[in-house]
N, C-alpha and C. Protein backbone atom coordinates (compact mmCIF):
# COMPACT_ATOMS: atom_id res chain seq x y z
N MET A 1 43.22 259.51 -89.35
CA MET A 1 41.82 259.81 -89.13
C MET A 1 41.10 259.70 -90.47
N GLN A 2 40.00 258.97 -90.46
CA GLN A 2 39.19 258.80 -91.65
C GLN A 2 37.97 259.71 -91.57
N ILE A 3 37.72 260.45 -92.63
CA ILE A 3 36.55 261.32 -92.71
C ILE A 3 35.84 261.00 -94.01
N ILE A 4 34.53 260.77 -93.93
CA ILE A 4 33.75 260.46 -95.12
C ILE A 4 32.46 261.28 -95.11
N PRO A 5 31.92 261.59 -96.29
CA PRO A 5 30.63 262.26 -96.33
C PRO A 5 29.50 261.28 -96.03
N MET A 6 28.39 261.78 -95.53
CA MET A 6 27.27 260.95 -95.14
C MET A 6 26.75 260.11 -96.30
N GLN A 7 26.87 260.59 -97.50
CA GLN A 7 26.40 259.85 -98.68
C GLN A 7 27.04 258.47 -98.79
N GLU A 8 28.27 258.33 -98.28
CA GLU A 8 28.97 257.05 -98.37
C GLU A 8 28.43 256.00 -97.41
N LEU A 9 27.55 256.38 -96.51
CA LEU A 9 26.98 255.41 -95.58
C LEU A 9 26.07 254.40 -96.27
N LYS A 10 25.72 254.67 -97.51
CA LYS A 10 24.87 253.73 -98.25
C LYS A 10 25.57 252.40 -98.48
N ASP A 11 26.89 252.42 -98.58
CA ASP A 11 27.66 251.20 -98.81
C ASP A 11 28.20 250.70 -97.48
N LEU A 12 27.36 249.99 -96.74
CA LEU A 12 27.71 249.56 -95.38
C LEU A 12 28.88 248.58 -95.36
N ASP A 13 29.01 247.74 -96.37
CA ASP A 13 30.14 246.81 -96.40
C ASP A 13 31.47 247.57 -96.49
N ALA A 14 31.49 248.62 -97.30
CA ALA A 14 32.71 249.42 -97.43
C ALA A 14 33.01 250.16 -96.13
N ILE A 15 31.98 250.65 -95.45
CA ILE A 15 32.17 251.35 -94.16
C ILE A 15 32.71 250.38 -93.13
N GLU A 16 32.14 249.18 -93.10
CA GLU A 16 32.62 248.16 -92.15
C GLU A 16 34.09 247.85 -92.39
N GLN A 17 34.47 247.72 -93.63
CA GLN A 17 35.88 247.44 -93.97
C GLN A 17 36.78 248.61 -93.58
N ARG A 18 36.32 249.82 -93.83
CA ARG A 18 37.12 250.99 -93.46
C ARG A 18 37.34 251.07 -91.96
N CYS A 19 36.29 250.76 -91.19
CA CYS A 19 36.40 250.79 -89.73
C CYS A 19 37.42 249.76 -89.26
N ALA A 20 37.37 248.57 -89.82
CA ALA A 20 38.30 247.51 -89.43
C ALA A 20 39.73 247.88 -89.80
N GLU A 21 39.92 248.45 -90.97
CA GLU A 21 41.27 248.81 -91.42
C GLU A 21 41.82 250.00 -90.65
N ALA A 22 40.96 250.96 -90.34
CA ALA A 22 41.41 252.17 -89.64
C ALA A 22 41.80 251.88 -88.21
N ASN A 23 41.23 250.81 -87.62
CA ASN A 23 41.46 250.48 -86.21
C ASN A 23 41.21 251.71 -85.34
N GLY A 24 40.19 252.44 -85.73
CA GLY A 24 39.80 253.65 -85.02
C GLY A 24 38.51 254.17 -85.59
N PRO A 25 38.07 255.32 -85.15
CA PRO A 25 36.79 255.84 -85.60
C PRO A 25 36.85 256.39 -87.02
N VAL A 26 35.71 256.33 -87.69
CA VAL A 26 35.52 256.96 -88.99
C VAL A 26 34.51 258.08 -88.76
N TYR A 27 34.91 259.29 -89.08
CA TYR A 27 34.06 260.45 -88.87
C TYR A 27 33.20 260.69 -90.11
N VAL A 28 31.91 260.91 -89.89
CA VAL A 28 30.97 261.11 -90.98
C VAL A 28 30.51 262.57 -90.95
N THR A 29 30.59 263.22 -92.11
CA THR A 29 30.21 264.63 -92.19
C THR A 29 28.95 264.82 -93.01
N LYS A 30 28.25 265.89 -92.72
CA LYS A 30 27.08 266.29 -93.50
C LYS A 30 27.22 267.78 -93.76
N ASN A 31 27.23 268.14 -95.02
CA ASN A 31 27.42 269.54 -95.43
C ASN A 31 28.72 270.11 -94.85
N GLY A 32 29.74 269.27 -94.74
CA GLY A 32 31.04 269.72 -94.28
C GLY A 32 31.22 269.76 -92.78
N TYR A 33 30.20 269.39 -92.02
CA TYR A 33 30.28 269.42 -90.57
C TYR A 33 30.17 268.00 -90.02
N GLY A 34 30.89 267.74 -88.94
CA GLY A 34 30.84 266.44 -88.30
C GLY A 34 29.45 266.13 -87.76
N ARG A 35 28.94 264.92 -88.06
CA ARG A 35 27.62 264.53 -87.60
C ARG A 35 27.63 263.20 -86.85
N LEU A 36 28.46 262.26 -87.28
CA LEU A 36 28.46 260.92 -86.70
C LEU A 36 29.88 260.40 -86.58
N VAL A 37 30.03 259.39 -85.72
CA VAL A 37 31.28 258.64 -85.63
C VAL A 37 30.90 257.17 -85.70
N VAL A 38 31.56 256.44 -86.59
CA VAL A 38 31.32 255.01 -86.76
C VAL A 38 32.62 254.30 -86.42
N MET A 39 32.51 253.18 -85.67
CA MET A 39 33.73 252.46 -85.31
C MET A 39 33.47 250.97 -85.19
N ASP A 40 34.53 250.21 -85.33
CA ASP A 40 34.49 248.77 -85.17
C ASP A 40 34.20 248.44 -83.70
N ILE A 41 33.45 247.39 -83.45
CA ILE A 41 33.06 247.03 -82.08
C ILE A 41 34.28 246.74 -81.21
N ASN A 42 35.31 246.13 -81.77
CA ASN A 42 36.51 245.85 -80.99
C ASN A 42 37.19 247.13 -80.53
N TYR A 43 37.27 248.11 -81.43
CA TYR A 43 37.85 249.41 -81.06
C TYR A 43 37.01 250.06 -79.96
N TYR A 44 35.69 250.02 -80.11
CA TYR A 44 34.79 250.59 -79.12
C TYR A 44 35.00 249.95 -77.75
N GLU A 45 35.04 248.62 -77.71
CA GLU A 45 35.21 247.92 -76.44
C GLU A 45 36.55 248.23 -75.79
N ARG A 46 37.62 248.32 -76.59
CA ARG A 46 38.93 248.69 -76.03
C ARG A 46 38.90 250.11 -75.46
N THR A 47 38.23 251.01 -76.17
CA THR A 47 38.15 252.40 -75.72
C THR A 47 37.37 252.51 -74.42
N ILE A 48 36.24 251.82 -74.33
CA ILE A 48 35.44 251.84 -73.11
C ILE A 48 36.23 251.23 -71.94
N GLN A 49 36.96 250.15 -72.19
CA GLN A 49 37.77 249.53 -71.13
C GLN A 49 38.81 250.52 -70.60
N LYS A 50 39.43 251.26 -71.51
CA LYS A 50 40.42 252.26 -71.08
C LYS A 50 39.77 253.34 -70.22
N LEU A 51 38.54 253.73 -70.57
CA LEU A 51 37.84 254.73 -69.76
C LEU A 51 37.55 254.21 -68.36
N TYR A 52 37.10 252.95 -68.26
CA TYR A 52 36.86 252.36 -66.93
C TYR A 52 38.15 252.30 -66.12
N GLU A 53 39.24 251.91 -66.77
CA GLU A 53 40.52 251.83 -66.06
C GLU A 53 40.98 253.21 -65.59
N ALA A 54 40.82 254.22 -66.44
CA ALA A 54 41.21 255.58 -66.06
C ALA A 54 40.37 256.07 -64.88
N ALA A 55 39.08 255.74 -64.89
CA ALA A 55 38.22 256.15 -63.77
C ALA A 55 38.64 255.47 -62.48
N ALA A 56 39.01 254.19 -62.55
CA ALA A 56 39.45 253.47 -61.35
C ALA A 56 40.76 254.06 -60.82
N ILE A 57 41.66 254.41 -61.71
CA ILE A 57 42.92 255.03 -61.28
C ILE A 57 42.65 256.38 -60.63
N ALA A 58 41.77 257.18 -61.24
CA ALA A 58 41.44 258.50 -60.67
C ALA A 58 40.81 258.34 -59.28
N GLU A 59 39.95 257.33 -59.13
CA GLU A 59 39.33 257.08 -57.82
C GLU A 59 40.38 256.69 -56.79
N GLY A 60 41.33 255.86 -57.20
CA GLY A 60 42.41 255.47 -56.29
C GLY A 60 43.27 256.65 -55.88
N LEU A 61 43.56 257.53 -56.83
CA LEU A 61 44.35 258.71 -56.51
C LEU A 61 43.61 259.64 -55.55
N GLU A 62 42.30 259.73 -55.71
CA GLU A 62 41.50 260.53 -54.78
C GLU A 62 41.55 259.92 -53.38
N ASP A 63 41.51 258.59 -53.29
CA ASP A 63 41.63 257.92 -52.00
C ASP A 63 42.96 258.26 -51.34
N VAL A 64 44.02 258.26 -52.12
CA VAL A 64 45.35 258.57 -51.59
C VAL A 64 45.37 260.01 -51.07
N LYS A 65 44.83 260.93 -51.86
CA LYS A 65 44.80 262.34 -51.44
C LYS A 65 43.99 262.54 -50.17
N ALA A 66 42.91 261.77 -50.03
CA ALA A 66 42.02 261.91 -48.87
C ALA A 66 42.53 261.11 -47.67
N GLY A 67 43.63 260.37 -47.85
CA GLY A 67 44.19 259.62 -46.74
C GLY A 67 43.48 258.30 -46.45
N ARG A 68 42.66 257.83 -47.38
CA ARG A 68 41.97 256.55 -47.19
C ARG A 68 42.89 255.42 -47.65
N LEU A 69 43.82 255.06 -46.77
CA LEU A 69 44.83 254.06 -47.09
C LEU A 69 44.91 253.00 -46.00
N LEU A 70 45.33 251.81 -46.39
CA LEU A 70 45.64 250.74 -45.44
C LEU A 70 46.97 250.14 -45.84
N ASP A 71 47.75 249.73 -44.85
CA ASP A 71 48.98 249.01 -45.20
C ASP A 71 48.59 247.58 -45.59
N GLY A 72 49.51 246.86 -46.18
CA GLY A 72 49.24 245.52 -46.68
C GLY A 72 48.67 244.56 -45.66
N PRO A 73 49.33 244.39 -44.51
CA PRO A 73 48.80 243.45 -43.51
C PRO A 73 47.40 243.84 -43.01
N SER A 74 47.15 245.12 -42.82
CA SER A 74 45.83 245.55 -42.37
C SER A 74 44.77 245.27 -43.43
N ALA A 75 45.12 245.49 -44.70
CA ALA A 75 44.18 245.23 -45.79
C ALA A 75 43.85 243.74 -45.87
N LEU A 76 44.86 242.88 -45.75
CA LEU A 76 44.62 241.43 -45.78
C LEU A 76 43.77 240.99 -44.60
N GLN A 77 44.03 241.54 -43.44
CA GLN A 77 43.24 241.19 -42.27
C GLN A 77 41.78 241.59 -42.46
N ALA A 78 41.54 242.76 -43.01
CA ALA A 78 40.17 243.23 -43.24
C ALA A 78 39.45 242.31 -44.24
N ILE A 79 40.16 241.88 -45.27
CA ILE A 79 39.58 240.96 -46.25
C ILE A 79 39.26 239.62 -45.61
N GLU A 80 40.19 239.10 -44.82
CA GLU A 80 39.98 237.82 -44.15
C GLU A 80 38.77 237.88 -43.21
N GLU A 81 38.66 238.97 -42.47
CA GLU A 81 37.53 239.11 -41.55
C GLU A 81 36.20 239.25 -42.29
N ARG A 82 36.23 240.01 -43.36
CA ARG A 82 34.99 240.24 -44.10
C ARG A 82 34.48 238.97 -44.77
N TYR A 83 35.38 238.17 -45.30
CA TYR A 83 34.96 236.98 -46.05
C TYR A 83 35.17 235.68 -45.29
N GLY A 84 35.53 235.77 -44.01
CA GLY A 84 35.68 234.59 -43.19
C GLY A 84 36.78 233.64 -43.66
N LEU A 85 37.86 234.20 -44.11
CA LEU A 85 38.98 233.37 -44.59
C LEU A 85 39.95 233.02 -43.48
């Protein structure tokens, strides 16, 4: 985990390099308290993708708990009927 004081934000090239090297967030503090998080866009996109995947899995598990299930042949038939395949 990288932690830097807010004063270091003046050197944006160095911050960009730190974010790329850390392959994770860089925490920025002001007066000793956390104020900001800076991260490389690739790390951000990977993190957001993981959140979407986790939400889809949670939704699927809720469907299972609620009994909203179809067997394979029934699911294929429903798809074929819906899309005229």
